[in-house]
């Protein structure tokens, strides 16, 4: 995608690719995404990921679903350099989700911490609905709670953080029926809030949110293991730093 006014740093994907494999946050989110796909869309054949970034999520989906056909888009081609290496058998393209013209092609579409970057998120959701086959499933993760907004969101180029009610309305207006929602990053929400209290205005500090000591990263990963275990048992969390939503095209 041609760069004009977008300030997204050129080396962001390189730094992201280096951090994902050891970060409690990325590893935990992958486990939640795969669980959701296995539970709510285990028999799908064609999957599209919107905003695949470096392909970290897509690689995990390939491991869990070796027989499905994978498609992925990314706004900037820099991300696809890494994604193509991680999942060489997937079909990739550079694409703005608000300009997607796909019609009735996929059994499932995922957008994992993507639509909060898109100014016209409602148009993107409508385009995703058009791309899905009838009764196809949408899988979303987004940052949650507007009161968590800080310089961390600004340095991540977020347009917004969502409330569950806001997201449900937008997804339903795009032609979906909600079949599941739950927050996650719940047990660690107090730590997240404290971290962001000191980053309301300091963009420089915000860039180091995931740069934590190894022992602390491991502790957070173990805490998330318990949270995910309870999620799989049927616990739905009302609060959390992130929100998982699954919906069916109607």
C-alpha atoms as a PDB file:
ATOM      1  CA  UNK A   1       0.000   0.000   0.000  1.00  0.00           C
ATOM      2  CA  UNK A   2       1.408   3.413  -0.968  1.00  0.00           C
ATOM      3  CA  UNK A   3       2.515   5.458   2.027  1.00  0.00           C
ATOM      4  CA  UNK A   4       1.361   9.051   2.069  1.00  0.00           C
ATOM      5  CA  UNK A   5       0.182  10.528   5.373  1.00  0.00           C
ATOM      6  CA  UNK A   6       0.078   7.303   7.374  1.00  0.00           C
ATOM      7  CA  UNK A   7       2.707   7.523  10.152  1.00  0.00           C
ATOM      8  CA  UNK A   8       3.079   3.773  10.709  1.00  0.00           C
ATOM      9  CA  UNK A   9       6.848   3.236  11.182  1.00  0.00           C
ATOM     10  CA  UNK A  10       8.662   1.295   8.502  1.00  0.00           C
ATOM     11  CA  UNK A  11      10.470  -0.947  10.989  1.00  0.00           C
ATOM     12  CA  UNK A  12       7.362  -1.799  13.056  1.00  0.00           C
ATOM     13  CA  UNK A  13       6.899  -5.240  11.501  1.00  0.00           C
ATOM     14  CA  UNK A  14      10.518  -6.169  12.148  1.00  0.00           C
ATOM     15  CA  UNK A  15      10.165  -5.281  15.829  1.00  0.00           C
ATOM     16  CA  UNK A  16       6.807  -7.042  16.017  1.00  0.00           C
ATOM     17  CA  UNK A  17       8.126 -10.242  14.454  1.00  0.00           C
ATOM     18  CA  UNK A  18      10.974 -10.300  16.966  1.00  0.00           C
ATOM     19  CA  UNK A  19       8.681  -9.815  19.969  1.00  0.00           C
ATOM     20  CA  UNK A  20       5.670 -12.020  19.214  1.00  0.00           C
ATOM     21  CA  UNK A  21       7.184 -15.443  19.784  1.00  0.00           C
ATOM     22  CA  UNK A  22       8.082 -14.788  23.424  1.00  0.00           C
ATOM     23  CA  UNK A  23       5.408 -12.294  24.523  1.00  0.00           C
ATOM     24  CA  UNK A  24       2.761 -13.519  26.983  1.00  0.00           C
ATOM     25  CA  UNK A  25       0.175 -11.332  25.242  1.00  0.00           C
ATOM     26  CA  UNK A  26       0.650 -12.633  21.694  1.00  0.00           C
ATOM     27  CA  UNK A  27       1.030 -16.242  22.827  1.00  0.00           C
ATOM     28  CA  UNK A  28      -2.113 -16.083  24.973  1.00  0.00           C
ATOM     29  CA  UNK A  29      -4.169 -14.406  22.284  1.00  0.00           C
ATOM     30  CA  UNK A  30      -3.171 -17.125  19.793  1.00  0.00           C
ATOM     31  CA  UNK A  31      -4.446 -19.804  22.180  1.00  0.00           C
ATOM     32  CA  UNK A  32      -7.776 -18.009  22.531  1.00  0.00           C
ATOM     33  CA  UNK A  33      -8.154 -17.534  18.765  1.00  0.00           C
ATOM     34  CA  UNK A  34      -7.431 -21.193  17.971  1.00  0.00           C
ATOM     35  CA  UNK A  35      -9.814 -22.353  20.706  1.00  0.00           C
ATOM     36  CA  UNK A  36     -12.553 -20.112  19.285  1.00  0.00           C
ATOM     37  CA  UNK A  37     -12.009 -21.426  15.751  1.00  0.00           C
ATOM     38  CA  UNK A  38     -12.049 -25.036  16.916  1.00  0.00           C
ATOM     39  CA  UNK A  39     -15.218 -24.581  18.955  1.00  0.00           C
ATOM     40  CA  UNK A  40     -17.270 -22.442  16.594  1.00  0.00           C
ATOM     41  CA  UNK A  41     -15.933 -23.175  13.103  1.00  0.00           C
ATOM     42  CA  UNK A  42     -14.169 -26.543  13.138  1.00  0.00           C
ATOM     43  CA  UNK A  43     -15.373 -27.708   9.694  1.00  0.00           C
ATOM     44  CA  UNK A  44     -14.550 -24.659   7.573  1.00  0.00           C
ATOM     45  CA  UNK A  45     -12.640 -24.898   4.295  1.00  0.00           C
ATOM     46  CA  UNK A  46     -11.754 -21.311   3.352  1.00  0.00           C
ATOM     47  CA  UNK A  47     -10.442 -18.820   5.931  1.00  0.00           C
ATOM     48  CA  UNK A  48      -9.472 -15.190   5.398  1.00  0.00           C
ATOM     49  CA  UNK A  49      -7.495 -13.138   7.907  1.00  0.00           C
ATOM     50  CA  UNK A  50      -7.848  -9.380   7.546  1.00  0.00           C
ATOM     51  CA  UNK A  51      -4.730  -7.521   8.657  1.00  0.00           C
ATOM     52  CA  UNK A  52      -2.486 -10.546   9.127  1.00  0.00           C
ATOM     53  CA  UNK A  53       0.556  -8.468  10.110  1.00  0.00           C
ATOM     54  CA  UNK A  54       3.628 -10.690  10.277  1.00  0.00           C
ATOM     55  CA  UNK A  55       1.592 -13.902  10.027  1.00  0.00           C
ATOM     56  CA  UNK A  56       2.008 -14.893  13.687  1.00  0.00           C
ATOM     57  CA  UNK A  57      -1.682 -15.756  14.124  1.00  0.00           C
ATOM     58  CA  UNK A  58      -1.962 -17.305  10.689  1.00  0.00           C
ATOM     59  CA  UNK A  59       0.953 -19.645  11.404  1.00  0.00           C
ATOM     60  CA  UNK A  60      -0.813 -20.969  14.488  1.00  0.00           C
ATOM     61  CA  UNK A  61      -4.044 -21.433  12.531  1.00  0.00           C
ATOM     62  CA  UNK A  62      -2.151 -23.409   9.894  1.00  0.00           C
ATOM     63  CA  UNK A  63      -0.717 -25.701  12.594  1.00  0.00           C
ATOM     64  CA  UNK A  64      -4.173 -26.341  14.038  1.00  0.00           C
ATOM     65  CA  UNK A  65      -6.007 -26.633  10.712  1.00  0.00           C
ATOM     66  CA  UNK A  66      -3.550 -28.170   8.228  1.00  0.00           C
ATOM     67  CA  UNK A  67      -6.173 -28.924   5.569  1.00  0.00           C
ATOM     68  CA  UNK A  68      -7.977 -25.602   5.135  1.00  0.00           C
ATOM     69  CA  UNK A  69      -7.194 -23.014   2.474  1.00  0.00           C
ATOM     70  CA  UNK A  70      -5.749 -19.862   4.001  1.00  0.00           C
ATOM     71  CA  UNK A  71      -6.047 -16.347   2.608  1.00  0.00           C
ATOM     72  CA  UNK A  72      -4.676 -13.178   4.195  1.00  0.00           C
ATOM     73  CA  UNK A  73      -4.535  -9.456   3.586  1.00  0.00           C
ATOM     74  CA  UNK A  74      -2.368  -6.715   5.055  1.00  0.00           C
ATOM     75  CA  UNK A  75      -2.517  -2.956   4.583  1.00  0.00           C
ATOM     76  CA  UNK A  76       1.248  -2.552   4.237  1.00  0.00           C
ATOM     77  CA  UNK A  77       3.418  -4.889   2.189  1.00  0.00           C
ATOM     78  CA  UNK A  78       6.209  -4.796   4.820  1.00  0.00           C
ATOM     79  CA  UNK A  79       4.201  -7.175   6.992  1.00  0.00           C
ATOM     80  CA  UNK A  80       3.769  -9.676   4.189  1.00  0.00           C
ATOM     81  CA  UNK A  81       7.538 -10.136   3.941  1.00  0.00           C
ATOM     82  CA  UNK A  82       7.401 -11.952   7.284  1.00  0.00           C
ATOM     83  CA  UNK A  83       3.964 -13.515   6.820  1.00  0.00           C
ATOM     84  CA  UNK A  84       4.932 -15.238   3.572  1.00  0.00           C
ATOM     85  CA  UNK A  85       7.923 -16.841   5.280  1.00  0.00           C
ATOM     86  CA  UNK A  86       5.825 -18.059   8.194  1.00  0.00           C
ATOM     87  CA  UNK A  87       2.962 -19.465   6.101  1.00  0.00           C
ATOM     88  CA  UNK A  88       4.296 -20.022   2.568  1.00  0.00           C
ATOM     89  CA  UNK A  89       1.241 -21.933   1.355  1.00  0.00           C
ATOM     90  CA  UNK A  90      -1.256 -19.158   2.145  1.00  0.00           C
ATOM     91  CA  UNK A  91      -2.519 -16.675  -0.463  1.00  0.00           C
ATOM     92  CA  UNK A  92      -1.544 -13.095   0.415  1.00  0.00           C
ATOM     93  CA  UNK A  93      -2.383  -9.659  -0.934  1.00  0.00           C
ATOM     94  CA  UNK A  94      -2.010  -6.019   0.050  1.00  0.00           C
ATOM     95  CA  UNK A  95      -5.484  -4.635   0.712  1.00  0.00           C
ATOM     96  CA  UNK A  96      -7.407  -1.856   2.450  1.00  0.00           C
ATOM     97  CA  UNK A  97     -10.374  -3.559   4.153  1.00  0.00           C
ATOM     98  CA  UNK A  98     -12.619  -0.576   3.389  1.00  0.00           C
ATOM     99  CA  UNK A  99     -12.057  -1.217  -0.329  1.00  0.00           C
ATOM    100  CA  UNK A 100     -12.424  -4.997  -0.342  1.00  0.00           C
ATOM    101  CA  UNK A 101     -14.779  -6.277  -3.063  1.00  0.00           C
ATOM    102  CA  UNK A 102     -14.806 -10.040  -2.285  1.00  0.00           C
ATOM    103  CA  UNK A 103     -18.254 -11.646  -2.489  1.00  0.00           C
ATOM    104  CA  UNK A 104     -19.396 -14.934  -0.886  1.00  0.00           C
ATOM    105  CA  UNK A 105     -15.945 -16.553  -0.856  1.00  0.00           C
ATOM    106  CA  UNK A 106     -15.079 -17.630   2.692  1.00  0.00           C
ATOM    107  CA  UNK A 107     -16.506 -19.837   5.440  1.00  0.00           C
ATOM    108  CA  UNK A 108     -14.788 -17.754   8.102  1.00  0.00           C
ATOM    109  CA  UNK A 109     -13.063 -14.379   8.373  1.00  0.00           C
ATOM    110  CA  UNK A 110     -10.874 -13.223  11.243  1.00  0.00           C
ATOM    111  CA  UNK A 111      -9.672  -9.740  12.164  1.00  0.00           C
ATOM    112  CA  UNK A 112      -7.519  -9.851  15.266  1.00  0.00           C
ATOM    113  CA  UNK A 113      -6.793  -6.435  16.769  1.00  0.00           C
ATOM    114  CA  UNK A 114      -7.281  -4.813  13.383  1.00  0.00           C
ATOM    115  CA  UNK A 115     -10.526  -2.850  13.077  1.00  0.00           C
ATOM    116  CA  UNK A 116      -9.562  -0.454  15.875  1.00  0.00           C
ATOM    117  CA  UNK A 117      -6.989   0.901  13.386  1.00  0.00           C
ATOM    118  CA  UNK A 118      -9.624   1.584  10.711  1.00  0.00           C
ATOM    119  CA  UNK A 119     -11.412   4.938  10.747  1.00  0.00           C
ATOM    120  CA  UNK A 120     -14.482   3.601   8.941  1.00  0.00           C
ATOM    121  CA  UNK A 121     -14.719   0.323  10.813  1.00  0.00           C
ATOM    122  CA  UNK A 122     -18.406  -0.061   9.914  1.00  0.00           C
ATOM    123  CA  UNK A 123     -17.592  -0.115   6.203  1.00  0.00           C
ATOM    124  CA  UNK A 124     -14.858  -2.683   6.819  1.00  0.00           C
ATOM    125  CA  UNK A 125     -17.321  -4.885   8.723  1.00  0.00           C
ATOM    126  CA  UNK A 126     -19.853  -4.606   5.914  1.00  0.00           C
ATOM    127  CA  UNK A 127     -17.219  -5.630   3.374  1.00  0.00           C
ATOM    128  CA  UNK A 128     -16.309  -8.611   5.540  1.00  0.00           C
ATOM    129  CA  UNK A 129     -19.975  -9.606   5.638  1.00  0.00           C
ATOM    130  CA  UNK A 130     -20.106  -9.471   1.842  1.00  0.00           C
ATOM    131  CA  UNK A 131     -16.971 -11.622   1.607  1.00  0.00           C
ATOM    132  CA  UNK A 132     -18.436 -14.378   3.781  1.00  0.00           C
ATOM    133  CA  UNK A 133     -20.619 -17.158   2.495  1.00  0.00           C
ATOM    134  CA  UNK A 134     -24.118 -17.444   3.964  1.00  0.00           C
ATOM    135  CA  UNK A 135     -23.892 -18.479   7.640  1.00  0.00           C
ATOM    136  CA  UNK A 136     -20.133 -17.930   7.577  1.00  0.00           C
ATOM    137  CA  UNK A 137     -18.531 -16.890  10.839  1.00  0.00           C
ATOM    138  CA  UNK A 138     -16.734 -13.711  11.830  1.00  0.00           C
ATOM    139  CA  UNK A 139     -14.032 -13.799  14.533  1.00  0.00           C
ATOM    140  CA  UNK A 140     -12.918 -10.501  16.069  1.00  0.00           C
ATOM    141  CA  UNK A 141     -10.593  -9.408  18.838  1.00  0.00           C
ATOM    142  CA  UNK A 142     -10.390  -5.732  19.762  1.00  0.00           C
ATOM    143  CA  UNK A 143      -8.974  -3.577  22.571  1.00  0.00           C
ATOM    144  CA  UNK A 144     -11.677  -2.898  25.153  1.00  0.00           C
ATOM    145  CA  UNK A 145     -12.698  -0.153  27.605  1.00  0.00           C
ATOM    146  CA  UNK A 146     -12.381   3.467  26.604  1.00  0.00           C
ATOM    147  CA  UNK A 147     -11.067   4.342  30.082  1.00  0.00           C
ATOM    148  CA  UNK A 148      -7.897   2.407  29.241  1.00  0.00           C
ATOM    149  CA  UNK A 149      -7.046   4.854  26.439  1.00  0.00           C
ATOM    150  CA  UNK A 150      -3.489   6.164  26.745  1.00  0.00           C
ATOM    151  CA  UNK A 151      -0.416   7.087  24.741  1.00  0.00           C
ATOM    152  CA  UNK A 152       0.051   3.349  24.214  1.00  0.00           C
ATOM    153  CA  UNK A 153      -3.025   3.394  21.974  1.00  0.00           C
ATOM    154  CA  UNK A 154      -1.770   6.482  20.182  1.00  0.00           C
ATOM    155  CA  UNK A 155       1.656   4.978  19.505  1.00  0.00           C
ATOM    156  CA  UNK A 156      -0.114   1.824  18.259  1.00  0.00           C
ATOM    157  CA  UNK A 157      -2.165   3.998  15.850  1.00  0.00           C
ATOM    158  CA  UNK A 158      -5.504   2.993  17.330  1.00  0.00           C
ATOM    159  CA  UNK A 159      -8.500   5.060  16.296  1.00  0.00           C
ATOM    160  CA  UNK A 160     -10.575   3.797  19.216  1.00  0.00           C
ATOM    161  CA  UNK A 161     -11.048   1.316  22.026  1.00  0.00           C
ATOM    162  CA  UNK A 162     -14.417  -0.451  22.099  1.00  0.00           C
ATOM    163  CA  UNK A 163     -17.141  -1.128  24.572  1.00  0.00           C
ATOM    164  CA  UNK A 164     -18.910  -4.449  24.119  1.00  0.00           C
ATOM    165  CA  UNK A 165     -22.166  -2.634  23.369  1.00  0.00           C
ATOM    166  CA  UNK A 166     -20.571  -0.452  20.655  1.00  0.00           C
ATOM    167  CA  UNK A 167     -18.989  -3.424  18.924  1.00  0.00           C
ATOM    168  CA  UNK A 168     -22.155  -5.526  19.025  1.00  0.00           C
ATOM    169  CA  UNK A 169     -24.184  -2.733  17.433  1.00  0.00           C
ATOM    170  CA  UNK A 170     -21.677  -2.243  14.624  1.00  0.00           C
ATOM    171  CA  UNK A 171     -21.383  -5.978  13.920  1.00  0.00           C
ATOM    172  CA  UNK A 172     -25.160  -6.475  13.924  1.00  0.00           C
ATOM    173  CA  UNK A 173     -25.635  -3.484  11.600  1.00  0.00           C
ATOM    174  CA  UNK A 174     -23.207  -5.144   9.169  1.00  0.00           C
ATOM    175  CA  UNK A 175     -25.513  -8.158   8.830  1.00  0.00           C
ATOM    176  CA  UNK A 176     -24.432 -10.530  11.599  1.00  0.00           C
ATOM    177  CA  UNK A 177     -25.982 -12.380  14.501  1.00  0.00           C
ATOM    178  CA  UNK A 178     -23.814 -12.436  17.628  1.00  0.00           C
ATOM    179  CA  UNK A 179     -23.146 -15.961  18.861  1.00  0.00           C
ATOM    180  CA  UNK A 180     -20.442 -15.399  21.490  1.00  0.00           C
ATOM    181  CA  UNK A 181     -18.666 -12.623  23.368  1.00  0.00           C
ATOM    182  CA  UNK A 182     -16.210 -12.622  26.241  1.00  0.00           C
ATOM    183  CA  UNK A 183     -13.556 -10.307  27.553  1.00  0.00           C
ATOM    184  CA  UNK A 184     -10.017 -11.552  28.062  1.00  0.00           C
ATOM    185  CA  UNK A 185      -6.869 -10.202  29.731  1.00  0.00           C
ATOM    186  CA  UNK A 186      -9.136 -10.091  32.783  1.00  0.00           C
ATOM    187  CA  UNK A 187      -6.927 -11.282  35.618  1.00  0.00           C
ATOM    188  CA  UNK A 188      -4.186  -8.906  34.461  1.00  0.00           C
ATOM    189  CA  UNK A 189      -6.508  -5.935  33.944  1.00  0.00           C
ATOM    190  CA  UNK A 190      -5.360  -4.176  37.163  1.00  0.00           C
ATOM    191  CA  UNK A 191      -1.734  -4.388  36.017  1.00  0.00           C
ATOM    192  CA  UNK A 192      -2.734  -3.071  32.598  1.00  0.00           C
ATOM    193  CA  UNK A 193      -4.594  -0.155  34.174  1.00  0.00           C
ATOM    194  CA  UNK A 194      -1.665   0.752  36.443  1.00  0.00           C
ATOM    195  CA  UNK A 195       0.735   0.559  33.485  1.00  0.00           C
ATOM    196  CA  UNK A 196      -1.411   2.906  31.473  1.00  0.00           C
ATOM    197  CA  UNK A 197      -1.896   5.406  34.287  1.00  0.00           C
ATOM    198  CA  UNK A 198       1.724   6.375  33.774  1.00  0.00           C
ATOM    199  CA  UNK A 199       1.317   6.485  30.003  1.00  0.00           C
ATOM    200  CA  UNK A 200      -1.615   8.838  29.536  1.00  0.00           C
ATOM    201  CA  UNK A 201       0.597  11.370  27.754  1.00  0.00           C
ATOM    202  CA  UNK A 202       4.076   9.891  27.472  1.00  0.00           C
ATOM    203  CA  UNK A 203       4.468   8.356  24.017  1.00  0.00           C
ATOM    204  CA  UNK A 204       8.094   7.522  24.737  1.00  0.00           C
ATOM    205  CA  UNK A 205       7.169   5.336  27.713  1.00  0.00           C
ATOM    206  CA  UNK A 206       4.323   3.704  25.833  1.00  0.00           C
ATOM    207  CA  UNK A 207       6.631   2.016  23.364  1.00  0.00           C
ATOM    208  CA  UNK A 208       8.031  -0.246  26.075  1.00  0.00           C
ATOM    209  CA  UNK A 209       4.812  -1.819  27.359  1.00  0.00           C
ATOM    210  CA  UNK A 210       5.769  -5.308  26.183  1.00  0.00           C
ATOM    211  CA  UNK A 211       9.434  -4.937  27.145  1.00  0.00           C
ATOM    212  CA  UNK A 212       9.253  -6.532  30.556  1.00  0.00           C
ATOM    213  CA  UNK A 213      11.551  -8.814  32.523  1.00  0.00           C
ATOM    214  CA  UNK A 214      11.543 -12.473  31.494  1.00  0.00           C
ATOM    215  CA  UNK A 215      10.357 -13.647  34.906  1.00  0.00           C
ATOM    216  CA  UNK A 216       7.433 -11.214  34.818  1.00  0.00           C
ATOM    217  CA  UNK A 217       6.560 -12.211  31.271  1.00  0.00           C
ATOM    218  CA  UNK A 218       6.496 -15.854  32.419  1.00  0.00           C
ATOM    219  CA  UNK A 219       4.305 -14.995  35.401  1.00  0.00           C
ATOM    220  CA  UNK A 220       1.832 -13.219  33.136  1.00  0.00           C
ATOM    221  CA  UNK A 221       1.827 -16.201  30.778  1.00  0.00           C
ATOM    222  CA  UNK A 222       0.994 -18.551  33.677  1.00  0.00           C
ATOM    223  CA  UNK A 223      -1.799 -16.268  34.860  1.00  0.00           C
ATOM    224  CA  UNK A 224      -3.215 -16.255  31.338  1.00  0.00           C
ATOM    225  CA  UNK A 225      -3.013 -20.067  31.259  1.00  0.00           C
ATOM    226  CA  UNK A 226      -5.460 -20.154  34.181  1.00  0.00           C
ATOM    227  CA  UNK A 227      -7.696 -17.516  32.600  1.00  0.00           C
ATOM    228  CA  UNK A 228      -7.851 -19.405  29.291  1.00  0.00           C
ATOM    229  CA  UNK A 229      -8.509 -22.715  31.066  1.00  0.00           C
ATOM    230  CA  UNK A 230     -11.561 -21.183  32.772  1.00  0.00           C
ATOM    231  CA  UNK A 231     -12.648 -19.614  29.479  1.00  0.00           C
ATOM    232  CA  UNK A 232     -12.651 -23.051  27.870  1.00  0.00           C
ATOM    233  CA  UNK A 233     -14.735 -24.379  30.767  1.00  0.00           C
ATOM    234  CA  UNK A 234     -17.427 -21.837  29.962  1.00  0.00           C
ATOM    235  CA  UNK A 235     -16.549 -18.803  32.067  1.00  0.00           C
ATOM    236  CA  UNK A 236     -17.389 -15.518  30.324  1.00  0.00           C
ATOM    237  CA  UNK A 237     -15.493 -12.504  31.603  1.00  0.00           C
ATOM    238  CA  UNK A 238     -17.397  -9.178  31.786  1.00  0.00           C
ATOM    239  CA  UNK A 239     -14.239  -7.052  31.937  1.00  0.00           C
ATOM    240  CA  UNK A 240     -10.816  -7.284  30.343  1.00  0.00           C
ATOM    241  CA  UNK A 241      -8.256  -5.433  28.286  1.00  0.00           C
ATOM    242  CA  UNK A 242      -9.490  -7.176  25.138  1.00  0.00           C
ATOM    243  CA  UNK A 243     -12.782  -8.477  23.782  1.00  0.00           C
ATOM    244  CA  UNK A 244     -13.468 -11.597  21.715  1.00  0.00           C
ATOM    245  CA  UNK A 245     -16.599 -11.565  19.542  1.00  0.00           C
ATOM    246  CA  UNK A 246     -17.895 -14.310  17.236  1.00  0.00           C
ATOM    247  CA  UNK A 247     -20.811 -13.708  14.895  1.00  0.00           C
ATOM    248  CA  UNK A 248     -22.639 -15.494  12.071  1.00  0.00           C
ATOM    249  CA  UNK A 249     -23.656 -13.912   8.766  1.00  0.00           C
ATOM    250  CA  UNK A 250     -27.442 -13.856   8.404  1.00  0.00           C
END
